[in-house]
Amino acid sequence: MLRRIIAIAKLVFRMPPAPPPSPCIRICQIDAGTGWCIGCGRTGEEIGDWLFMSTAQRLALMAELPRRLARLSAGSAADDQPSRAS
């Protein structure tokens, strides 16, 4: 009986998982070409909506950010390369 009470108590008092933290790294500058922050990869709208997003929405967005940041990095890396004139 005690085990059953403990099992029920665990279900009743289970804390929801903490929402993912903001991906902000305090480098806040929007890239003019993509509209993405060069620090975190989010758009201005996504940054503003962050506090109102569900955990599922935040996780979906966070899954997209590495691709965006890689694209930003590749673009800036290409811009930093000197031109090779023949």
C-alpha atoms as a PDB file:
ATOM      1  CA  MET A   1       0.000   0.000   0.000  1.00  0.00           C
ATOM      2  CA  LEU A   2       2.835   2.386   0.859  1.00  0.00           C
ATOM      3  CA  ARG A   3       4.473   1.776  -2.520  1.00  0.00           C
ATOM      4  CA  ARG A   4       1.236   2.662  -4.260  1.00  0.00           C
ATOM      5  CA  ILE A   5       0.930   5.912  -2.273  1.00  0.00           C
ATOM      6  CA  ILE A   6       4.517   6.807  -3.129  1.00  0.00           C
ATOM      7  CA  ALA A   7       3.924   6.060  -6.818  1.00  0.00           C
ATOM      8  CA  ILE A   8       0.809   8.248  -6.861  1.00  0.00           C
ATOM      9  CA  ALA A   9       2.603  11.032  -5.000  1.00  0.00           C
ATOM     10  CA  LYS A  10       5.394  10.974  -7.583  1.00  0.00           C
ATOM     11  CA  LEU A  11       2.843  11.418 -10.356  1.00  0.00           C
ATOM     12  CA  VAL A  12       0.935  14.163  -8.566  1.00  0.00           C
ATOM     13  CA  PHE A  13       3.971  16.155  -7.465  1.00  0.00           C
ATOM     14  CA  ARG A  14       6.100  15.628 -10.556  1.00  0.00           C
ATOM     15  CA  MET A  15       7.645  18.884 -11.581  1.00  0.00           C
ATOM     16  CA  PRO A  16       7.423  19.702 -15.261  1.00  0.00           C
ATOM     17  CA  PRO A  17      10.776  19.784 -17.014  1.00  0.00           C
ATOM     18  CA  ALA A  18      12.427  23.168 -17.067  1.00  0.00           C
ATOM     19  CA  PRO A  19      12.050  24.938 -20.406  1.00  0.00           C
ATOM     20  CA  PRO A  20      15.224  25.211 -22.462  1.00  0.00           C
ATOM     21  CA  PRO A  21      17.271  28.298 -21.652  1.00  0.00           C
ATOM     22  CA  SER A  22      17.621  31.121 -24.125  1.00  0.00           C
ATOM     23  CA  PRO A  23      20.314  30.531 -26.751  1.00  0.00           C
ATOM     24  CA  CYS A  24      21.369  34.187 -26.425  1.00  0.00           C
ATOM     25  CA  ILE A  25      25.135  34.595 -26.026  1.00  0.00           C
ATOM     26  CA  ARG A  26      25.025  38.403 -25.734  1.00  0.00           C
ATOM     27  CA  ILE A  27      26.284  39.040 -29.262  1.00  0.00           C
ATOM     28  CA  CYS A  28      23.170  40.775 -30.509  1.00  0.00           C
ATOM     29  CA  GLN A  29      23.474  41.925 -34.101  1.00  0.00           C
ATOM     30  CA  ILE A  30      21.064  41.086 -36.908  1.00  0.00           C
ATOM     31  CA  ASP A  31      22.643  39.995 -40.193  1.00  0.00           C
ATOM     32  CA  ALA A  32      21.151  42.142 -42.968  1.00  0.00           C
ATOM     33  CA  GLY A  33      21.193  39.319 -45.513  1.00  0.00           C
ATOM     34  CA  THR A  34      19.417  36.651 -43.488  1.00  0.00           C
ATOM     35  CA  GLY A  35      17.645  38.544 -40.712  1.00  0.00           C
ATOM     36  CA  TRP A  36      19.278  36.222 -38.157  1.00  0.00           C
ATOM     37  CA  CYS A  37      21.176  37.314 -35.058  1.00  0.00           C
ATOM     38  CA  ILE A  38      24.862  36.570 -35.586  1.00  0.00           C
ATOM     39  CA  GLY A  39      25.142  35.459 -31.945  1.00  0.00           C
ATOM     40  CA  CYS A  40      22.243  33.062 -31.519  1.00  0.00           C
ATOM     41  CA  GLY A  41      20.791  32.612 -35.022  1.00  0.00           C
ATOM     42  CA  ARG A  42      17.264  33.736 -34.176  1.00  0.00           C
ATOM     43  CA  THR A  43      15.248  36.384 -35.993  1.00  0.00           C
ATOM     44  CA  GLY A  44      14.172  39.516 -34.164  1.00  0.00           C
ATOM     45  CA  GLU A  45      10.636  38.151 -34.045  1.00  0.00           C
ATOM     46  CA  GLU A  46      11.824  34.834 -32.571  1.00  0.00           C
ATOM     47  CA  ILE A  47      13.856  36.693 -29.951  1.00  0.00           C
ATOM     48  CA  GLY A  48      10.787  38.711 -28.974  1.00  0.00           C
ATOM     49  CA  ASP A  49       8.536  35.649 -28.915  1.00  0.00           C
ATOM     50  CA  TRP A  50      10.934  33.470 -26.874  1.00  0.00           C
ATOM     51  CA  LEU A  51       9.239  34.046 -23.515  1.00  0.00           C
ATOM     52  CA  PHE A  52       5.862  33.157 -24.987  1.00  0.00           C
ATOM     53  CA  MET A  53       6.946  29.990 -26.855  1.00  0.00           C
ATOM     54  CA  SER A  54       6.057  26.558 -25.570  1.00  0.00           C
ATOM     55  CA  THR A  55       8.843  24.142 -24.702  1.00  0.00           C
ATOM     56  CA  ALA A  56       8.139  22.253 -27.944  1.00  0.00           C
ATOM     57  CA  GLN A  57       8.415  25.474 -29.973  1.00  0.00           C
ATOM     58  CA  ARG A  58      11.662  26.408 -28.258  1.00  0.00           C
ATOM     59  CA  LEU A  59      13.154  22.966 -28.864  1.00  0.00           C
ATOM     60  CA  ALA A  60      12.132  23.053 -32.537  1.00  0.00           C
ATOM     61  CA  LEU A  61      13.733  26.460 -32.958  1.00  0.00           C
ATOM     62  CA  MET A  62      16.885  25.419 -31.109  1.00  0.00           C
ATOM     63  CA  ALA A  63      17.233  22.429 -33.432  1.00  0.00           C
ATOM     64  CA  GLU A  64      17.327  24.858 -36.372  1.00  0.00           C
ATOM     65  CA  LEU A  65      19.879  27.271 -34.912  1.00  0.00           C
ATOM     66  CA  PRO A  66      23.094  25.270 -35.552  1.00  0.00           C
ATOM     67  CA  ARG A  67      22.270  25.173 -39.290  1.00  0.00           C
ATOM     68  CA  ARG A  68      21.623  28.907 -39.349  1.00  0.00           C
ATOM     69  CA  LEU A  69      24.799  29.716 -37.428  1.00  0.00           C
ATOM     70  CA  ALA A  70      26.836  27.474 -39.725  1.00  0.00           C
ATOM     71  CA  ARG A  71      25.404  29.283 -42.726  1.00  0.00           C
ATOM     72  CA  LEU A  72      26.217  32.656 -41.162  1.00  0.00           C
ATOM     73  CA  SER A  73      29.728  31.479 -40.362  1.00  0.00           C
ATOM     74  CA  ALA A  74      30.274  30.117 -43.862  1.00  0.00           C
ATOM     75  CA  GLY A  75      29.054  33.368 -45.362  1.00  0.00           C
ATOM     76  CA  SER A  76      31.317  35.513 -43.215  1.00  0.00           C
ATOM     77  CA  ALA A  77      34.237  33.134 -43.725  1.00  0.00           C
ATOM     78  CA  ALA A  78      33.779  33.416 -47.483  1.00  0.00           C
ATOM     79  CA  ASP A  79      33.647  37.213 -47.181  1.00  0.00           C
ATOM     80  CA  ASP A  80      36.908  37.202 -45.208  1.00  0.00           C
ATOM     81  CA  GLN A  81      38.819  35.262 -47.857  1.00  0.00           C
ATOM     82  CA  PRO A  82      41.000  37.405 -50.144  1.00  0.00           C
ATOM     83  CA  SER A  83      40.070  37.411 -53.830  1.00  0.00           C
ATOM     84  CA  ARG A  84      42.341  35.425 -56.096  1.00  0.00           C
ATOM     85  CA  ALA A  85      42.869  37.486 -59.197  1.00  0.00           C
ATOM     86  CA  SER A  86      44.832  35.917 -62.021  1.00  0.00           C
END
